[in-house]
């Protein structure tokens, strides 16, 4: 296993332990499990991602020029779509058709940006594989 993956997994374990220790120390006295709720997902992500990458790629490189270009194109397309959605939300709000809170607007923009990157990259990888 690559040294990079081992270090990421150690960081994940440290995040998990920090959440547990802070919960036992009652940093937030009214809500004891708050540190675990915030730190556990980060720790699990830092553990699961390197394991999956190791199982998928082993010690081989997991990116090259082709994959970098595809990922970059996916981010560019996602950025354009996200800006378009933000402009549409602004116009709809300015016209009085739909009124949204800041929290709802930010959540929608974050979801559009995140899922559109995944969809565009999936499509571009699939398109590249068919050629």
C-alpha atoms as a PDB file:
ATOM      1  CA  UNK A   1       0.000   0.000   0.000  1.00  0.00           C
ATOM      2  CA  UNK A   2       1.280   3.472  -0.867  1.00  0.00           C
ATOM      3  CA  UNK A   3       2.628   5.607   1.968  1.00  0.00           C
ATOM      4  CA  UNK A   4       0.151   8.343   0.988  1.00  0.00           C
ATOM      5  CA  UNK A   5      -2.791   6.009   1.577  1.00  0.00           C
ATOM      6  CA  UNK A   6      -1.434   4.901   4.936  1.00  0.00           C
ATOM      7  CA  UNK A   7      -1.063   8.517   6.086  1.00  0.00           C
ATOM      8  CA  UNK A   8      -4.616   9.338   5.002  1.00  0.00           C
ATOM      9  CA  UNK A   9      -5.937   6.348   6.925  1.00  0.00           C
ATOM     10  CA  UNK A  10      -3.982   7.378  10.038  1.00  0.00           C
ATOM     11  CA  UNK A  11      -5.456  10.883   9.738  1.00  0.00           C
ATOM     12  CA  UNK A  12      -8.929   9.324   9.493  1.00  0.00           C
ATOM     13  CA  UNK A  13      -8.371   7.287  12.641  1.00  0.00           C
ATOM     14  CA  UNK A  14      -7.143  10.432  14.412  1.00  0.00           C
ATOM     15  CA  UNK A  15     -10.298  12.293  13.402  1.00  0.00           C
ATOM     16  CA  UNK A  16     -12.464   9.460  14.714  1.00  0.00           C
ATOM     17  CA  UNK A  17     -10.531   9.322  17.987  1.00  0.00           C
ATOM     18  CA  UNK A  18     -10.682  13.107  18.348  1.00  0.00           C
ATOM     19  CA  UNK A  19     -14.461  13.007  17.980  1.00  0.00           C
ATOM     20  CA  UNK A  20     -14.776  10.275  20.591  1.00  0.00           C
ATOM     21  CA  UNK A  21     -12.404  11.979  23.033  1.00  0.00           C
ATOM     22  CA  UNK A  22     -14.141  15.350  22.649  1.00  0.00           C
ATOM     23  CA  UNK A  23     -17.495  13.659  23.236  1.00  0.00           C
ATOM     24  CA  UNK A  24     -16.231  12.077  26.461  1.00  0.00           C
ATOM     25  CA  UNK A  25     -14.722  15.394  27.599  1.00  0.00           C
ATOM     26  CA  UNK A  26     -18.146  16.978  27.058  1.00  0.00           C
ATOM     27  CA  UNK A  27     -16.881  19.951  25.075  1.00  0.00           C
ATOM     28  CA  UNK A  28     -20.490  20.776  24.227  1.00  0.00           C
ATOM     29  CA  UNK A  29     -22.253  19.981  27.522  1.00  0.00           C
ATOM     30  CA  UNK A  30     -25.797  20.143  26.149  1.00  0.00           C
ATOM     31  CA  UNK A  31     -25.124  17.935  23.132  1.00  0.00           C
ATOM     32  CA  UNK A  32     -22.524  15.309  23.966  1.00  0.00           C
ATOM     33  CA  UNK A  33     -22.322  13.636  20.544  1.00  0.00           C
ATOM     34  CA  UNK A  34     -21.779  16.819  18.501  1.00  0.00           C
ATOM     35  CA  UNK A  35     -18.005  16.253  18.037  1.00  0.00           C
ATOM     36  CA  UNK A  36     -18.628  12.699  16.868  1.00  0.00           C
ATOM     37  CA  UNK A  37     -21.287  13.893  14.415  1.00  0.00           C
ATOM     38  CA  UNK A  38     -18.871  16.416  12.888  1.00  0.00           C
ATOM     39  CA  UNK A  39     -15.620  14.448  12.986  1.00  0.00           C
ATOM     40  CA  UNK A  40     -16.800  10.891  12.293  1.00  0.00           C
ATOM     41  CA  UNK A  41     -17.811  11.487   8.643  1.00  0.00           C
ATOM     42  CA  UNK A  42     -14.465  13.159   7.955  1.00  0.00           C
ATOM     43  CA  UNK A  43     -12.602  10.294   9.605  1.00  0.00           C
ATOM     44  CA  UNK A  44     -14.605   7.652   7.761  1.00  0.00           C
ATOM     45  CA  UNK A  45     -14.013   9.436   4.464  1.00  0.00           C
ATOM     46  CA  UNK A  46     -10.293   9.613   5.144  1.00  0.00           C
ATOM     47  CA  UNK A  47     -10.283   5.876   5.820  1.00  0.00           C
ATOM     48  CA  UNK A  48     -12.633   4.648   3.071  1.00  0.00           C
ATOM     49  CA  UNK A  49     -11.265   6.674   0.133  1.00  0.00           C
ATOM     50  CA  UNK A  50      -7.659   5.373   0.361  1.00  0.00           C
ATOM     51  CA  UNK A  51      -8.891   1.800   0.838  1.00  0.00           C
ATOM     52  CA  UNK A  52     -11.065   2.026  -2.275  1.00  0.00           C
ATOM     53  CA  UNK A  53      -8.250   3.630  -4.270  1.00  0.00           C
ATOM     54  CA  UNK A  54      -5.835   0.920  -3.158  1.00  0.00           C
ATOM     55  CA  UNK A  55      -8.283  -1.825  -4.102  1.00  0.00           C
ATOM     56  CA  UNK A  56      -9.014  -0.198  -7.457  1.00  0.00           C
ATOM     57  CA  UNK A  57      -5.546   0.922  -8.555  1.00  0.00           C
ATOM     58  CA  UNK A  58      -3.089  -0.899  -6.307  1.00  0.00           C
ATOM     59  CA  UNK A  59       0.322   0.728  -6.613  1.00  0.00           C
ATOM     60  CA  UNK A  60      -0.332   1.925 -10.169  1.00  0.00           C
ATOM     61  CA  UNK A  61      -0.971   5.634 -10.822  1.00  0.00           C
ATOM     62  CA  UNK A  62      -4.648   6.533 -10.677  1.00  0.00           C
ATOM     63  CA  UNK A  63      -4.454   9.513 -13.015  1.00  0.00           C
ATOM     64  CA  UNK A  64      -2.709  10.530 -16.201  1.00  0.00           C
ATOM     65  CA  UNK A  65      -3.032  13.318 -18.784  1.00  0.00           C
ATOM     66  CA  UNK A  66      -6.211  11.867 -20.279  1.00  0.00           C
ATOM     67  CA  UNK A  67      -8.027  11.546 -16.952  1.00  0.00           C
ATOM     68  CA  UNK A  68      -6.828  14.997 -15.884  1.00  0.00           C
ATOM     69  CA  UNK A  69      -8.265  16.499 -19.088  1.00  0.00           C
ATOM     70  CA  UNK A  70     -11.579  14.708 -18.625  1.00  0.00           C
ATOM     71  CA  UNK A  71     -11.867  15.786 -14.996  1.00  0.00           C
ATOM     72  CA  UNK A  72     -10.969  19.374 -15.869  1.00  0.00           C
ATOM     73  CA  UNK A  73     -13.572  19.452 -18.638  1.00  0.00           C
ATOM     74  CA  UNK A  74     -16.171  18.093 -16.201  1.00  0.00           C
ATOM     75  CA  UNK A  75     -15.387  20.862 -13.729  1.00  0.00           C
ATOM     76  CA  UNK A  76     -15.578  23.521 -16.459  1.00  0.00           C
ATOM     77  CA  UNK A  77     -18.963  22.302 -17.699  1.00  0.00           C
ATOM     78  CA  UNK A  78     -20.206  22.084 -14.115  1.00  0.00           C
ATOM     79  CA  UNK A  79     -19.029  25.631 -13.417  1.00  0.00           C
ATOM     80  CA  UNK A  80     -20.936  26.959 -16.424  1.00  0.00           C
ATOM     81  CA  UNK A  81     -24.083  25.075 -15.424  1.00  0.00           C
ATOM     82  CA  UNK A  82     -23.802  26.272 -11.817  1.00  0.00           C
ATOM     83  CA  UNK A  83     -23.409  29.901 -12.879  1.00  0.00           C
ATOM     84  CA  UNK A  84     -26.429  29.490 -15.150  1.00  0.00           C
ATOM     85  CA  UNK A  85     -28.482  28.085 -12.266  1.00  0.00           C
ATOM     86  CA  UNK A  86     -27.394  30.984 -10.022  1.00  0.00           C
ATOM     87  CA  UNK A  87     -28.404  33.523 -12.669  1.00  0.00           C
ATOM     88  CA  UNK A  88     -31.747  31.736 -13.119  1.00  0.00           C
ATOM     89  CA  UNK A  89     -32.343  31.780  -9.357  1.00  0.00           C
ATOM     90  CA  UNK A  90     -31.524  35.486  -9.259  1.00  0.00           C
ATOM     91  CA  UNK A  91     -33.914  36.259 -12.124  1.00  0.00           C
ATOM     92  CA  UNK A  92     -36.708  34.138 -10.650  1.00  0.00           C
ATOM     93  CA  UNK A  93     -36.275  35.807  -7.254  1.00  0.00           C
ATOM     94  CA  UNK A  94     -36.041  39.280  -8.766  1.00  0.00           C
ATOM     95  CA  UNK A  95     -39.230  38.671 -10.768  1.00  0.00           C
ATOM     96  CA  UNK A  96     -41.010  37.590  -7.594  1.00  0.00           C
ATOM     97  CA  UNK A  97     -41.916  34.179  -8.977  1.00  0.00           C
ATOM     98  CA  UNK A  98     -40.126  32.255  -6.245  1.00  0.00           C
ATOM     99  CA  UNK A  99     -38.727  33.454  -2.938  1.00  0.00           C
ATOM    100  CA  UNK A 100     -36.063  31.309  -1.327  1.00  0.00           C
ATOM    101  CA  UNK A 101     -34.069  31.637   1.847  1.00  0.00           C
ATOM    102  CA  UNK A 102     -30.310  31.985   1.684  1.00  0.00           C
ATOM    103  CA  UNK A 103     -29.895  28.510   3.137  1.00  0.00           C
ATOM    104  CA  UNK A 104     -32.139  26.942   0.471  1.00  0.00           C
ATOM    105  CA  UNK A 105     -30.377  28.838  -2.303  1.00  0.00           C
ATOM    106  CA  UNK A 106     -26.920  27.808  -1.127  1.00  0.00           C
ATOM    107  CA  UNK A 107     -28.028  24.211  -0.714  1.00  0.00           C
ATOM    108  CA  UNK A 108     -29.396  24.157  -4.258  1.00  0.00           C
ATOM    109  CA  UNK A 109     -26.222  25.690  -5.699  1.00  0.00           C
ATOM    110  CA  UNK A 110     -24.005  23.243  -3.788  1.00  0.00           C
ATOM    111  CA  UNK A 111     -26.088  20.274  -4.936  1.00  0.00           C
ATOM    112  CA  UNK A 112     -26.119  21.427  -8.563  1.00  0.00           C
ATOM    113  CA  UNK A 113     -22.352  22.001  -8.542  1.00  0.00           C
ATOM    114  CA  UNK A 114     -21.542  18.685  -6.878  1.00  0.00           C
ATOM    115  CA  UNK A 115     -23.847  16.423  -8.835  1.00  0.00           C
ATOM    116  CA  UNK A 116     -23.233  18.114 -12.173  1.00  0.00           C
ATOM    117  CA  UNK A 117     -19.473  17.525 -11.815  1.00  0.00           C
ATOM    118  CA  UNK A 118     -20.101  13.855 -11.144  1.00  0.00           C
ATOM    119  CA  UNK A 119     -22.529  13.526 -14.045  1.00  0.00           C
ATOM    120  CA  UNK A 120     -20.336  15.421 -16.532  1.00  0.00           C
ATOM    121  CA  UNK A 121     -17.236  13.439 -15.588  1.00  0.00           C
ATOM    122  CA  UNK A 122     -19.129  10.163 -15.773  1.00  0.00           C
ATOM    123  CA  UNK A 123     -20.460  11.100 -19.215  1.00  0.00           C
ATOM    124  CA  UNK A 124     -17.050  12.220 -20.507  1.00  0.00           C
ATOM    125  CA  UNK A 125     -15.309   9.080 -19.217  1.00  0.00           C
ATOM    126  CA  UNK A 126     -17.994   6.943 -20.809  1.00  0.00           C
ATOM    127  CA  UNK A 127     -17.806   8.885 -24.086  1.00  0.00           C
ATOM    128  CA  UNK A 128     -14.005   8.518 -24.096  1.00  0.00           C
ATOM    129  CA  UNK A 129     -14.250   4.769 -23.463  1.00  0.00           C
ATOM    130  CA  UNK A 130     -16.540   4.320 -26.479  1.00  0.00           C
ATOM    131  CA  UNK A 131     -14.115   6.019 -28.870  1.00  0.00           C
END
